[in-house]
Protein backbone atom coordinates (compact mmCIF):
# COMPACT_ATOMS: atom_id res chain seq x y z
CA MET A 1 -1.51 -3.56 0.50
CA ASN A 2 -5.29 -2.03 1.07
CA ILE A 3 -8.25 -3.99 0.08
CA ASN A 4 -11.30 -2.37 0.20
CA LEU A 5 -13.76 -4.66 2.23
CA PRO A 6 -17.26 -3.74 3.24
CA GLN A 7 -17.31 -1.44 6.58
CA THR A 8 -19.19 -3.07 9.60
CA LYS A 9 -19.53 -2.32 13.14
CA ALA A 10 -16.64 -3.60 15.15
CA VAL A 11 -17.39 -6.65 17.31
CA GLU A 12 -15.30 -7.60 20.18
CA ARG A 13 -14.21 -11.23 19.89
CA PRO A 14 -12.38 -13.86 21.73
CA ALA A 15 -8.57 -14.03 21.75
CA GLU A 16 -8.52 -17.35 20.39
CA GLY A 17 -10.78 -16.12 17.18
CA LEU A 18 -7.91 -13.64 16.62
CA ARG A 19 -4.89 -15.88 17.18
CA ALA A 20 -6.48 -18.22 14.72
CA PHE A 21 -6.99 -15.60 12.03
CA PHE A 22 -3.31 -14.62 12.32
CA GLY A 23 -2.31 -18.29 12.65
CA LYS A 24 -3.77 -18.86 9.25
CA ILE A 25 -2.27 -15.67 7.79
CA TYR A 26 1.16 -16.60 8.83
CA GLN A 27 0.65 -20.17 7.29
CA TYR A 28 -0.26 -18.59 3.88
CA MET A 29 2.83 -16.37 4.50
CA ALA A 30 5.10 -18.95 5.18
CA GLY A 31 3.99 -21.13 2.26
CA SER A 32 4.56 -18.34 -0.04
CA LEU A 33 8.03 -17.84 1.10
CA VAL A 34 8.79 -21.33 0.73
CA LEU A 35 7.23 -21.59 -2.88
CA SER A 36 9.32 -18.23 -3.74
CA SER A 37 12.57 -19.45 -2.53
CA LEU A 38 11.85 -22.72 -4.58
CA THR A 39 11.16 -20.90 -7.77
CA ALA A 40 13.97 -18.46 -7.00
CA TYR A 41 16.82 -21.19 -6.98
CA ALA A 42 15.22 -22.87 -9.64
CA SER A 43 15.52 -19.99 -11.89
CA THR A 44 19.47 -20.32 -11.56
CA LYS A 45 19.62 -23.81 -12.67
CA GLU A 46 19.40 -25.35 -16.48
CA PRO A 47 17.35 -25.44 -18.22
CA LEU A 48 15.28 -22.65 -16.77
CA VAL A 49 18.12 -20.01 -16.66
CA ARG A 50 18.37 -20.43 -20.79
CA LEU A 51 14.83 -19.47 -20.52
CA LEU A 52 14.97 -16.45 -18.58
CA TYR A 53 18.30 -14.91 -19.48
CA SER A 54 19.56 -14.45 -22.70
CA VAL A 55 23.19 -14.84 -22.73
CA GLN A 56 25.47 -12.65 -25.19
CA PRO A 57 29.34 -12.84 -25.60
CA ASP A 58 29.31 -9.40 -23.74
CA LYS A 59 26.25 -9.44 -21.21
CA VAL A 60 23.77 -11.41 -19.80
CA SER A 61 20.17 -9.65 -20.21
CA LEU A 62 16.63 -10.97 -19.59
CA SER A 63 14.94 -12.92 -22.27
CA VAL A 64 10.99 -12.35 -23.07
CA LEU A 65 9.99 -14.90 -20.51
CA GLY A 66 12.26 -13.30 -18.10
CA TRP A 67 10.61 -9.99 -18.64
CA VAL A 68 7.44 -11.74 -18.08
CA ALA A 69 8.61 -13.32 -14.89
CA LEU A 70 9.56 -9.77 -13.92
CA LEU A 71 6.47 -8.08 -14.48
CA ALA A 72 3.73 -10.60 -14.03
CA PRO A 73 3.73 -10.52 -10.19
CA PHE A 74 2.95 -6.58 -10.26
CA ILE A 75 0.04 -7.27 -12.59
CA LEU A 76 -1.11 -10.12 -10.30
CA ILE A 77 -1.42 -7.75 -7.37
CA PHE A 78 -3.98 -5.87 -9.12
CA MET A 79 -5.80 -8.96 -10.30
CA ILE A 80 -5.78 -10.13 -6.29
CA GLN A 81 -7.19 -6.72 -5.31
CA ASN A 82 -9.93 -7.08 -7.92
CA ALA A 83 -11.04 -10.84 -6.86
CA ALA A 84 -10.98 -9.63 -3.25
CA GLY A 85 -13.05 -6.57 -3.67
CA LYS A 86 -15.52 -9.07 -5.29
CA LEU A 87 -15.10 -11.58 -2.47
CA ASN A 88 -13.93 -14.20 -4.63
CA ALA A 89 -11.67 -16.50 -2.37
CA ALA A 90 -11.17 -18.97 -4.86
CA LYS A 91 -9.57 -16.45 -7.43
CA THR A 92 -7.96 -14.53 -4.70
CA ASN A 93 -6.18 -18.11 -3.49
CA PHE A 94 -5.08 -18.83 -7.21
CA TYR A 95 -3.49 -15.52 -7.81
CA PHE A 96 -1.91 -15.33 -4.63
CA TRP A 97 0.08 -18.62 -5.24
CA LEU A 98 0.69 -17.95 -8.85
CA PHE A 99 2.31 -14.32 -7.34
CA ALA A 100 4.44 -16.22 -5.14
CA ALA A 101 5.93 -18.42 -7.76
CA LEU A 102 6.56 -15.88 -10.27
CA PHE A 103 7.77 -13.45 -7.87
CA GLY A 104 10.56 -16.23 -6.86
CA LEU A 105 11.62 -16.25 -10.55
CA SER A 106 12.34 -12.73 -10.49
CA MET A 107 14.49 -12.99 -7.56
CA GLY A 108 16.46 -15.56 -8.80
CA SER A 109 19.31 -12.97 -8.94
CA VAL A 110 19.70 -13.01 -5.08
CA PHE A 111 21.17 -16.63 -5.41
CA THR A 112 23.62 -15.54 -7.90
CA VAL A 113 24.70 -12.51 -6.34
CA TYR A 114 25.11 -13.19 -2.86
CA THR A 115 26.91 -16.35 -0.95
CA PRO A 116 24.16 -18.95 0.27
CA ALA A 117 25.48 -18.47 3.76
CA SER A 118 24.92 -14.82 3.69
CA VAL A 119 21.15 -15.35 2.00
CA VAL A 120 20.23 -17.75 4.87
CA GLN A 121 21.91 -15.65 7.50
CA THR A 122 19.92 -12.29 6.24
CA PHE A 123 16.67 -14.46 6.24
CA LEU A 124 16.91 -15.61 9.71
CA ILE A 125 17.59 -12.12 10.85
CA THR A 126 14.66 -11.10 8.68
CA ALA A 127 12.09 -13.65 10.04
CA VAL A 128 13.28 -12.69 13.58
CA SER A 129 12.49 -9.05 12.99
CA PHE A 130 9.52 -9.83 11.29
CA LEU A 131 8.04 -12.02 14.41
CA GLY A 132 8.92 -8.96 16.87
CA LEU A 133 7.72 -6.32 14.64
CA SER A 134 4.31 -8.13 13.91
CA THR A 135 4.17 -9.13 17.38
CA TRP A 136 4.33 -5.36 18.60
CA GLY A 137 2.23 -4.21 16.23
CA SER A 138 -0.76 -6.75 17.25
CA ALA A 139 -0.44 -6.05 21.03
CA THR A 140 0.11 -2.19 20.98
CA LYS A 141 -2.48 0.04 22.04
CA ARG A 142 -1.23 2.89 20.06
CA ASP A 143 -2.94 3.87 16.77
CA LEU A 144 -0.58 3.39 14.10
CA THR A 145 -3.00 4.71 11.30
CA GLY A 146 -0.89 8.36 11.02
CA PHE A 147 2.15 6.24 11.08
CA GLY A 148 1.24 4.10 8.23
CA SER A 149 0.33 7.22 6.21
CA PHE A 150 3.76 8.37 6.92
CA LEU A 151 5.35 5.14 5.73
CA VAL A 152 3.41 5.04 2.57
CA MET A 153 4.50 8.52 1.53
CA GLY A 154 8.20 7.38 2.52
CA LEU A 155 7.77 4.03 0.28
CA ILE A 156 6.67 6.26 -2.60
CA GLY A 157 9.88 8.66 -2.09
CA ILE A 158 12.24 5.65 -2.15
CA ILE A 159 10.73 4.44 -5.32
CA VAL A 160 10.98 7.38 -7.16
CA ALA A 161 14.63 7.38 -5.63
CA MET A 162 15.32 4.28 -7.08
CA ILE A 163 13.95 4.95 -10.52
CA VAL A 164 15.99 8.02 -10.58
CA ASN A 165 19.04 6.26 -9.55
CA ILE A 166 18.45 3.93 -12.43
CA PHE A 167 19.90 6.73 -14.59
CA MET A 168 22.25 8.54 -12.02
CA ALA A 169 23.92 5.12 -10.66
CA SER A 170 24.79 6.88 -7.37
CA SER A 171 26.34 4.61 -4.76
CA MET A 172 25.20 7.24 -2.15
CA ILE A 173 21.42 7.63 -3.22
CA SER A 174 21.53 3.41 -3.22
CA PHE A 175 22.93 3.61 0.40
CA VAL A 176 20.51 5.96 1.31
CA VAL A 177 17.70 4.16 -0.03
CA SER A 178 18.77 0.78 1.41
CA VAL A 179 18.69 2.77 5.08
CA LEU A 180 15.32 4.19 4.43
CA GLY A 181 13.75 0.84 2.95
CA VAL A 182 14.89 -0.95 6.30
CA PHE A 183 13.09 1.54 8.48
CA ILE A 184 9.93 1.68 6.11
CA PHE A 185 9.40 -1.82 5.52
CA ALA A 186 10.01 -2.56 9.43
CA GLY A 187 7.41 0.17 10.34
CA LEU A 188 5.22 -1.37 7.99
CA ILE A 189 5.30 -4.82 9.20
CA ALA A 190 3.77 -3.31 12.70
CA TYR A 191 1.50 -1.00 10.89
CA ASP A 192 -0.06 -3.79 8.47
CA THR A 193 -0.32 -6.18 11.34
CA GLN A 194 -2.44 -3.94 13.49
CA ARG A 195 -4.48 -2.88 10.37
CA LEU A 196 -5.42 -6.57 9.73
CA LYS A 197 -6.45 -7.04 13.52
CA THR A 198 -8.83 -3.82 13.09
CA LEU A 199 -10.19 -5.53 9.79
CA TYR A 200 -10.90 -8.78 11.82
CA TYR A 201 -12.89 -7.02 14.39
CA GLN A 202 -14.93 -5.30 11.78
CA SER A 203 -15.54 -8.62 9.79
CA GLN A 204 -18.16 -10.12 12.32
CA GLU A 205 -18.96 -13.58 11.41
CA ASN A 206 -18.77 -13.36 7.78
CA ALA A 207 -16.65 -16.34 6.79
CA GLU A 208 -16.39 -15.46 2.96
CA ILE A 209 -14.62 -12.01 3.81
CA GLN A 210 -12.42 -13.57 6.57
CA ASN A 211 -11.36 -16.14 3.79
CA VAL A 212 -10.31 -13.14 1.46
CA MET A 213 -8.57 -11.12 4.34
CA VAL A 214 -6.26 -14.37 5.35
CA VAL A 215 -4.96 -14.59 1.79
CA THR A 216 -4.71 -10.57 1.13
CA GLY A 217 -3.28 -10.27 4.73
CA ALA A 218 -0.44 -12.65 4.05
CA LEU A 219 0.08 -11.03 0.62
CA SER A 220 0.66 -7.30 2.61
CA LEU A 221 2.96 -9.10 5.12
CA TYR A 222 4.83 -10.99 2.53
CA LEU A 223 5.59 -8.02 0.71
CA ASP A 224 6.55 -6.33 3.73
CA PHE A 225 8.84 -9.31 4.69
CA VAL A 226 10.49 -9.83 1.31
CA ASN A 227 11.28 -6.11 0.73
CA LEU A 228 12.79 -5.65 3.99
CA PHE A 229 14.76 -9.15 3.22
CA GLN A 230 16.04 -7.40 0.09
CA PHE A 231 17.21 -4.09 2.02
CA LEU A 232 18.91 -6.29 4.95
CA LEU A 233 20.67 -8.06 2.47
CA SER A 234 22.22 -5.00 0.68
CA PHE A 235 23.90 -4.55 3.96
CA LEU A 236 24.48 -7.89 5.26
CA GLY A 237 24.98 -10.05 2.37
CA ASP A 238 28.21 -10.74 0.96
CA ARG A 239 28.76 -11.01 -2.77
CA ARG A 240 30.17 -13.95 -4.42
């Protein structure tokens, strides 16, 4: 996710400062993943499941509250962007944690469709992959800007394909989208990490900008992680 921050002259800073900056981002990201996992698991239990799903004799569908939980995170992304653009750290933090909680509710199906063992296994594989890709993105001297633009175009492509496949219900399209999704979000992890590193050097000593960047950076990497996890789960997950 791109946040428009004031552009300033890049200033070289000690490696310790960069490590501390990413340390905060990873702490926010880890906390949001834990919160999302807890709310996802809670959404499969009574009485919350009755609030989120409308159970009928022949099918189970989302209730009104379920649709709110599904769509609200996307609205919150724009609210986070708006608050970050105004350098309002308090609102950015609040919307971020609310996003993580609601996004978890919308992912409750993971715990009902796949076995717990395969969910945990895929999560660990995603975590190891994320660590390697993020480390490479921070360490590489290669400019990934052009690569990132290509990945964003690919992301738009798979979103369109997923929408089309809602009506076509093609297993081949679903498979191709999953394969491309793994590669695209793997690349975005490295790209977003390098982008955050660049923004860190451009922020100088402005603590307000740094605080906002920590939250928006955590959101970007959170979305990369979760999407990579979901696409990997389509290959590695064992259905109940």
